[in-house]
Amino acid sequence: MKQQLSQKMQDKIAFYRSMRREEARPFFNFPPLLPSARLQYQPLDYDNYEILHELFAEEDNPFINLEFKEKEKIGIYVVDLREFAKFSPKRGAFDWLIYWEDQPIGVLHLFDLSREKANEKYKRCTIGFSIGKPFRRNGFASEAIAHQIEYVFEHFKEIDRIIAYTFPNNEASIGVLKKLGFTSNLKDYLSTDRYSFFEKWRVSP
C-alpha cells in the first residue's frame, strides 16, 4: 500500500478487494484521454488525488463538490472510484485531472455507465466538471468537455446520449453546456427541483 494513503483508505481498499473475485475484470475500459488544443489529462488515482484538495480546499464557489474541500473525503472518493466503480456493471465511473502547461486546473467526471438493459440505461452516461478559481473564464471548461464528449462517443459505441446536471442558479455551468449543444430535459430524469438536467445526443453520421 502506498505511503500517502490514510488508514481509512487502506481499510476500504482491502474491503473492496476482499469482496471481489480474483478473476474479476472491469466492466468498462477507459483508453487514454489524449491532449486537446491546450490541455492534457491524467487519470485520477492514488498518486495524485491530493491535487483536488490543493485546487478546491479554499474554494468559495458554492457549486464545488464539498468532498473536494477535505483531504480524507477526497481519498475515500478515489477509493470508491478505483475499487468499486471500476468493477461495477451499473455504476461505472472514471475521472481525469485537467492540466494546462503542466499545471493542474480542474477535473472531469464520467459516471453512471451501466450494462443494464432496463430503460436502456446502457445507452447513456453522465459527465461533470470543476475548474479551479484562478483558471476560470479562459474557455478551459468548454475545451475539456467538448473533448470528453468526443471521447465518449468514440469509445462507448452503445451510448447515444450524454447527461449533465447542475444547480438551476449555476449560470456559468449552464452557459457552458448550452454552448456545447446540450439541451434542457425537464422530465426524463430525477423528479426534483434541486437540479437542472441537460442532454446531448449522438449525431448520426
C-alpha atoms as a PDB file:
ATOM      1  CA  MET A   1       0.000   0.000   0.000  1.00  0.00           C
ATOM      2  CA  LYS A   2       1.377   3.417  -0.906  1.00  0.00           C
ATOM      3  CA  GLN A   3       2.732   5.507   1.940  1.00  0.00           C
ATOM      4  CA  GLN A   4       0.465   8.526   1.469  1.00  0.00           C
ATOM      5  CA  LEU A   5      -2.784   6.574   1.773  1.00  0.00           C
ATOM      6  CA  SER A   6      -4.624   7.054   5.055  1.00  0.00           C
ATOM      7  CA  GLN A   7      -5.613   4.107   7.217  1.00  0.00           C
ATOM      8  CA  LYS A   8      -9.271   4.608   6.269  1.00  0.00           C
ATOM      9  CA  MET A   9      -8.333   4.428   2.607  1.00  0.00           C
ATOM     10  CA  GLN A  10      -6.243   1.310   3.114  1.00  0.00           C
ATOM     11  CA  ASP A  11      -9.041  -0.360   5.064  1.00  0.00           C
ATOM     12  CA  LYS A  12     -11.619   0.411   2.378  1.00  0.00           C
ATOM     13  CA  ILE A  13      -9.317  -0.774  -0.400  1.00  0.00           C
ATOM     14  CA  ALA A  14      -8.778  -4.028   1.486  1.00  0.00           C
ATOM     15  CA  PHE A  15     -12.551  -4.418   1.967  1.00  0.00           C
ATOM     16  CA  TYR A  16     -13.380  -3.928  -1.708  1.00  0.00           C
ATOM     17  CA  ARG A  17     -10.627  -6.293  -2.798  1.00  0.00           C
ATOM     18  CA  SER A  18     -11.706  -8.959  -0.313  1.00  0.00           C
ATOM     19  CA  MET A  19     -15.236  -8.838  -1.766  1.00  0.00           C
ATOM     20  CA  ARG A  20     -14.039  -9.119  -5.357  1.00  0.00           C
ATOM     21  CA  ARG A  21     -13.316 -12.407  -7.075  1.00  0.00           C
ATOM     22  CA  GLU A  22      -9.687 -12.842  -8.119  1.00  0.00           C
ATOM     23  CA  GLU A  23     -10.713 -13.278 -11.742  1.00  0.00           C
ATOM     24  CA  ALA A  24     -12.908 -10.145 -11.735  1.00  0.00           C
ATOM     25  CA  ARG A  25     -12.247  -7.726 -14.565  1.00  0.00           C
ATOM     26  CA  PRO A  26     -13.524  -4.172 -15.096  1.00  0.00           C
ATOM     27  CA  PHE A  27     -16.811  -3.898 -16.971  1.00  0.00           C
ATOM     28  CA  PHE A  28     -15.628  -0.750 -18.729  1.00  0.00           C
ATOM     29  CA  ASN A  29     -12.318   0.132 -20.302  1.00  0.00           C
ATOM     30  CA  PHE A  30     -11.078   3.710 -20.407  1.00  0.00           C
ATOM     31  CA  PRO A  31      -8.468   4.355 -23.086  1.00  0.00           C
ATOM     32  CA  PRO A  32      -6.225   7.376 -22.505  1.00  0.00           C
ATOM     33  CA  LEU A  33      -7.887  10.751 -22.930  1.00  0.00           C
ATOM     34  CA  LEU A  34      -5.436  12.333 -25.346  1.00  0.00           C
ATOM     35  CA  PRO A  35      -4.472  16.032 -25.212  1.00  0.00           C
ATOM     36  CA  SER A  36      -6.761  18.645 -26.692  1.00  0.00           C
ATOM     37  CA  ALA A  37      -5.651  22.014 -28.096  1.00  0.00           C
ATOM     38  CA  ARG A  38      -4.334  23.482 -24.828  1.00  0.00           C
ATOM     39  CA  LEU A  39      -4.989  20.803 -22.244  1.00  0.00           C
ATOM     40  CA  GLN A  40      -3.680  17.441 -21.067  1.00  0.00           C
ATOM     41  CA  TYR A  41      -5.499  14.825 -18.984  1.00  0.00           C
ATOM     42  CA  GLN A  42      -4.346  12.331 -16.364  1.00  0.00           C
ATOM     43  CA  PRO A  43      -6.455   9.634 -14.678  1.00  0.00           C
ATOM     44  CA  LEU A  44      -7.306  10.475 -11.078  1.00  0.00           C
ATOM     45  CA  ASP A  45      -5.553   7.872  -8.955  1.00  0.00           C
ATOM     46  CA  TYR A  46      -3.884   7.180  -5.624  1.00  0.00           C
ATOM     47  CA  ASP A  47      -0.716   9.056  -6.524  1.00  0.00           C
ATOM     48  CA  ASN A  48      -2.366  12.362  -7.459  1.00  0.00           C
ATOM     49  CA  TYR A  49      -5.727  12.642  -5.669  1.00  0.00           C
ATOM     50  CA  GLU A  50      -4.429  15.260  -3.221  1.00  0.00           C
ATOM     51  CA  ILE A  51      -4.302  17.708  -6.139  1.00  0.00           C
ATOM     52  CA  LEU A  52      -8.088  18.050  -5.821  1.00  0.00           C
ATOM     53  CA  HIS A  53      -7.649  19.291  -2.260  1.00  0.00           C
ATOM     54  CA  GLU A  54      -4.986  21.767  -3.345  1.00  0.00           C
ATOM     55  CA  LEU A  55      -7.319  23.107  -6.054  1.00  0.00           C
ATOM     56  CA  PHE A  56     -10.553  23.352  -4.079  1.00  0.00           C
ATOM     57  CA  ALA A  57      -9.862  23.376  -0.311  1.00  0.00           C
ATOM     58  CA  GLU A  58     -10.225  27.163  -0.065  1.00  0.00           C
ATOM     59  CA  GLU A  59     -12.859  27.420  -2.780  1.00  0.00           C
ATOM     60  CA  ASP A  60     -15.721  29.827  -2.050  1.00  0.00           C
ATOM     61  CA  ASN A  61     -17.831  28.753  -5.025  1.00  0.00           C
ATOM     62  CA  PRO A  62     -20.994  27.116  -3.577  1.00  0.00           C
ATOM     63  CA  PHE A  63     -21.256  24.766  -6.550  1.00  0.00           C
ATOM     64  CA  ILE A  64     -17.971  22.923  -5.937  1.00  0.00           C
ATOM     65  CA  ASN A  65     -18.320  19.398  -4.516  1.00  0.00           C
ATOM     66  CA  LEU A  66     -17.888  19.653  -0.746  1.00  0.00           C
ATOM     67  CA  GLU A  67     -15.911  16.392  -0.755  1.00  0.00           C
ATOM     68  CA  PHE A  68     -13.105  18.212  -2.541  1.00  0.00           C
ATOM     69  CA  LYS A  69     -12.564  20.526   0.442  1.00  0.00           C
ATOM     70  CA  GLU A  70     -11.470  17.703   2.785  1.00  0.00           C
ATOM     71  CA  LYS A  71      -8.452  15.530   2.021  1.00  0.00           C
ATOM     72  CA  GLU A  72      -9.847  12.482   3.819  1.00  0.00           C
ATOM     73  CA  LYS A  73     -13.110  12.604   1.873  1.00  0.00           C
ATOM     74  CA  ILE A  74     -11.248  13.008  -1.410  1.00  0.00           C
ATOM     75  CA  GLY A  75      -9.221   9.920  -0.536  1.00  0.00           C
ATOM     76  CA  ILE A  76     -12.351   7.841   0.091  1.00  0.00           C
ATOM     77  CA  TYR A  77     -13.898   9.227  -3.110  1.00  0.00           C
ATOM     78  CA  VAL A  78     -10.896   7.977  -5.091  1.00  0.00           C
ATOM     79  CA  VAL A  79     -11.035   4.563  -3.430  1.00  0.00           C
ATOM     80  CA  ASP A  80     -14.709   4.236  -4.406  1.00  0.00           C
ATOM     81  CA  LEU A  81     -13.830   5.314  -7.923  1.00  0.00           C
ATOM     82  CA  ARG A  82     -10.904   2.939  -8.399  1.00  0.00           C
ATOM     83  CA  GLU A  83     -12.014  -0.089  -6.391  1.00  0.00           C
ATOM     84  CA  PHE A  84     -15.820  -0.082  -6.764  1.00  0.00           C
ATOM     85  CA  ALA A  85     -16.945   1.903  -9.818  1.00  0.00           C
ATOM     86  CA  LYS A  86     -14.243   0.379 -11.982  1.00  0.00           C
ATOM     87  CA  PHE A  87     -15.774  -3.071 -11.424  1.00  0.00           C
ATOM     88  CA  SER A  88     -19.462  -2.129 -11.284  1.00  0.00           C
ATOM     89  CA  PRO A  89     -21.809  -3.137 -14.126  1.00  0.00           C
ATOM     90  CA  LYS A  90     -24.300  -0.417 -13.129  1.00  0.00           C
ATOM     91  CA  ARG A  91     -22.213   2.443 -11.727  1.00  0.00           C
ATOM     92  CA  GLY A  92     -19.123   2.616 -13.871  1.00  0.00           C
ATOM     93  CA  ALA A  93     -17.116   5.822 -13.493  1.00  0.00           C
ATOM     94  CA  PHE A  94     -13.764   7.429 -14.227  1.00  0.00           C
ATOM     95  CA  ASP A  95     -12.185  10.833 -13.508  1.00  0.00           C
ATOM     96  CA  TRP A  96      -9.383  12.809 -15.118  1.00  0.00           C
ATOM     97  CA  LEU A  97      -7.355  15.686 -13.760  1.00  0.00           C
ATOM     98  CA  ILE A  98      -7.077  18.544 -16.269  1.00  0.00           C
ATOM     99  CA  TYR A  99      -3.675  20.159 -16.874  1.00  0.00           C
ATOM    100  CA  TRP A 100      -2.710  23.363 -18.641  1.00  0.00           C
ATOM    101  CA  GLU A 101       1.005  23.967 -19.232  1.00  0.00           C
ATOM    102  CA  ASP A 102       1.790  21.151 -16.764  1.00  0.00           C
ATOM    103  CA  GLN A 103      -0.323  22.819 -14.056  1.00  0.00           C
ATOM    104  CA  PRO A 104      -3.441  21.084 -12.679  1.00  0.00           C
ATOM    105  CA  ILE A 105      -6.501  23.285 -13.207  1.00  0.00           C
ATOM    106  CA  GLY A 106      -9.554  21.066 -12.699  1.00  0.00           C
ATOM    107  CA  VAL A 107     -11.231  17.694 -13.010  1.00  0.00           C
ATOM    108  CA  LEU A 108     -13.545  15.868 -15.427  1.00  0.00           C
ATOM    109  CA  HIS A 109     -16.044  13.227 -14.304  1.00  0.00           C
ATOM    110  CA  LEU A 110     -17.594  10.411 -16.323  1.00  0.00           C
ATOM    111  CA  PHE A 111     -20.132   8.304 -14.410  1.00  0.00           C
ATOM    112  CA  ASP A 112     -23.423   6.378 -14.453  1.00  0.00           C
ATOM    113  CA  LEU A 113     -22.041   3.947 -17.015  1.00  0.00           C
ATOM    114  CA  SER A 114     -24.248   0.860 -16.990  1.00  0.00           C
ATOM    115  CA  ARG A 115     -24.722  -2.502 -18.669  1.00  0.00           C
ATOM    116  CA  GLU A 116     -28.331  -2.520 -17.503  1.00  0.00           C
ATOM    117  CA  LYS A 117     -30.863  -3.018 -20.309  1.00  0.00           C
ATOM    118  CA  ALA A 118     -33.876  -1.743 -18.315  1.00  0.00           C
ATOM    119  CA  ASN A 119     -34.934   1.688 -19.566  1.00  0.00           C
ATOM    120  CA  GLU A 120     -31.948   1.499 -21.919  1.00  0.00           C
ATOM    121  CA  LYS A 121     -29.631   2.731 -19.182  1.00  0.00           C
ATOM    122  CA  TYR A 122     -26.680   1.289 -21.087  1.00  0.00           C
ATOM    123  CA  LYS A 123     -27.274   3.910 -23.791  1.00  0.00           C
ATOM    124  CA  ARG A 124     -26.500   6.918 -21.614  1.00  0.00           C
ATOM    125  CA  CYS A 125     -23.921   8.272 -19.197  1.00  0.00           C
ATOM    126  CA  THR A 126     -23.354  11.407 -17.140  1.00  0.00           C
ATOM    127  CA  ILE A 127     -20.491  13.891 -17.119  1.00  0.00           C
ATOM    128  CA  GLY A 128     -19.393  16.610 -14.731  1.00  0.00           C
ATOM    129  CA  PHE A 129     -16.547  19.085 -14.309  1.00  0.00           C
ATOM    130  CA  SER A 130     -14.923  21.559 -11.945  1.00  0.00           C
ATOM    131  CA  ILE A 131     -12.298  24.194 -12.779  1.00  0.00           C
ATOM    132  CA  GLY A 132     -10.135  25.874 -10.134  1.00  0.00           C
ATOM    133  CA  LYS A 133     -10.936  29.525  -9.457  1.00  0.00           C
ATOM    134  CA  PRO A 134      -7.724  31.054 -10.932  1.00  0.00           C
ATOM    135  CA  PHE A 135      -8.355  29.301 -14.260  1.00  0.00           C
ATOM    136  CA  ARG A 136     -11.992  30.123 -14.942  1.00  0.00           C
ATOM    137  CA  ARG A 137     -13.191  32.338 -17.799  1.00  0.00           C
ATOM    138  CA  ASN A 138     -10.469  31.076 -20.108  1.00  0.00           C
ATOM    139  CA  GLY A 139     -12.563  28.608 -22.073  1.00  0.00           C
ATOM    140  CA  PHE A 140     -10.894  25.628 -20.389  1.00  0.00           C
ATOM    141  CA  ALA A 141     -14.174  24.009 -19.276  1.00  0.00           C
ATOM    142  CA  SER A 142     -15.630  24.242 -22.773  1.00  0.00           C
ATOM    143  CA  GLU A 143     -12.493  22.787 -24.347  1.00  0.00           C
ATOM    144  CA  ALA A 144     -12.240  19.917 -21.861  1.00  0.00           C
ATOM    145  CA  ILE A 145     -15.919  18.955 -22.041  1.00  0.00           C
ATOM    146  CA  ALA A 146     -16.025  19.142 -25.844  1.00  0.00           C
ATOM    147  CA  HIS A 147     -13.013  16.813 -25.912  1.00  0.00           C
ATOM    148  CA  GLN A 148     -14.647  14.472 -23.384  1.00  0.00           C
ATOM    149  CA  ILE A 149     -17.834  14.308 -25.471  1.00  0.00           C
ATOM    150  CA  GLU A 150     -15.812  13.206 -28.500  1.00  0.00           C
ATOM    151  CA  TYR A 151     -14.064  10.617 -26.329  1.00  0.00           C
ATOM    152  CA  VAL A 152     -17.324   9.139 -25.024  1.00  0.00           C
ATOM    153  CA  PHE A 153     -18.959   8.820 -28.425  1.00  0.00           C
ATOM    154  CA  GLU A 154     -15.784   7.378 -29.938  1.00  0.00           C
ATOM    155  CA  HIS A 155     -15.041   4.740 -27.286  1.00  0.00           C
ATOM    156  CA  PHE A 156     -18.520   3.846 -25.984  1.00  0.00           C
ATOM    157  CA  LYS A 157     -20.417   2.913 -29.123  1.00  0.00           C
ATOM    158  CA  GLU A 158     -23.658   1.945 -27.335  1.00  0.00           C
ATOM    159  CA  ILE A 159     -24.049   5.353 -25.700  1.00  0.00           C
ATOM    160  CA  ASP A 160     -26.321   7.657 -27.671  1.00  0.00           C
ATOM    161  CA  ARG A 161     -26.767  10.491 -25.177  1.00  0.00           C
ATOM    162  CA  ILE A 162     -24.736  12.238 -22.532  1.00  0.00           C
ATOM    163  CA  ILE A 163     -26.393  13.774 -19.479  1.00  0.00           C
ATOM    164  CA  ALA A 164     -25.154  16.676 -17.367  1.00  0.00           C
ATOM    165  CA  TYR A 165     -26.853  18.372 -14.457  1.00  0.00           C
ATOM    166  CA  THR A 166     -26.198  21.352 -12.249  1.00  0.00           C
ATOM    167  CA  PHE A 167     -27.973  23.700  -9.873  1.00  0.00           C
ATOM    168  CA  PRO A 168     -30.609  25.899 -11.534  1.00  0.00           C
ATOM    169  CA  ASN A 169     -28.759  29.059 -10.450  1.00  0.00           C
ATOM    170  CA  ASN A 170     -25.342  27.916 -11.690  1.00  0.00           C
ATOM    171  CA  GLU A 171     -25.454  30.195 -14.716  1.00  0.00           C
ATOM    172  CA  ALA A 172     -21.798  29.651 -15.652  1.00  0.00           C
ATOM    173  CA  SER A 173     -22.120  25.871 -15.965  1.00  0.00           C
ATOM    174  CA  ILE A 174     -25.454  26.120 -17.736  1.00  0.00           C
ATOM    175  CA  GLY A 175     -23.899  28.543 -20.204  1.00  0.00           C
ATOM    176  CA  VAL A 176     -21.046  26.123 -20.935  1.00  0.00           C
ATOM    177  CA  LEU A 177     -23.427  23.222 -21.502  1.00  0.00           C
ATOM    178  CA  LYS A 178     -25.676  25.197 -23.838  1.00  0.00           C
ATOM    179  CA  LYS A 179     -22.664  26.461 -25.753  1.00  0.00           C
ATOM    180  CA  LEU A 180     -21.670  22.832 -26.376  1.00  0.00           C
ATOM    181  CA  GLY A 181     -25.099  21.878 -27.685  1.00  0.00           C
ATOM    182  CA  PHE A 182     -26.728  20.436 -24.576  1.00  0.00           C
ATOM    183  CA  THR A 183     -30.473  20.978 -24.375  1.00  0.00           C
ATOM    184  CA  SER A 184     -32.672  21.108 -21.311  1.00  0.00           C
ATOM    185  CA  ASN A 185     -34.590  17.997 -20.276  1.00  0.00           C
ATOM    186  CA  LEU A 186     -37.158  18.617 -17.559  1.00  0.00           C
ATOM    187  CA  LYS A 187     -38.968  15.294 -17.383  1.00  0.00           C
ATOM    188  CA  ASP A 188     -36.914  12.190 -18.121  1.00  0.00           C
ATOM    189  CA  TYR A 189     -34.567  12.109 -15.140  1.00  0.00           C
ATOM    190  CA  LEU A 190     -34.912  12.714 -11.402  1.00  0.00           C
ATOM    191  CA  SER A 191     -38.140  14.354 -10.247  1.00  0.00           C
ATOM    192  CA  THR A 192     -36.564  17.189  -8.316  1.00  0.00           C
ATOM    193  CA  ASP A 193     -36.242  20.938  -8.447  1.00  0.00           C
ATOM    194  CA  ARG A 194     -32.758  20.729  -6.936  1.00  0.00           C
ATOM    195  CA  TYR A 195     -31.022  20.206 -10.284  1.00  0.00           C
ATOM    196  CA  SER A 196     -31.432  21.277 -13.886  1.00  0.00           C
ATOM    197  CA  PHE A 197     -30.815  18.441 -16.340  1.00  0.00           C
ATOM    198  CA  PHE A 198     -29.323  18.693 -19.810  1.00  0.00           C
ATOM    199  CA  GLU A 199     -28.561  16.152 -22.520  1.00  0.00           C
ATOM    200  CA  LYS A 200     -26.601  15.875 -25.727  1.00  0.00           C
ATOM    201  CA  TRP A 201     -27.413  13.221 -28.321  1.00  0.00           C
ATOM    202  CA  ARG A 202     -25.009  11.440 -30.597  1.00  0.00           C
ATOM    203  CA  VAL A 203     -25.132  12.884 -34.086  1.00  0.00           C
ATOM    204  CA  SER A 204     -25.784  10.198 -36.692  1.00  0.00           C
ATOM    205  CA  PRO A 205     -23.159  10.099 -39.474  1.00  0.00           C
END
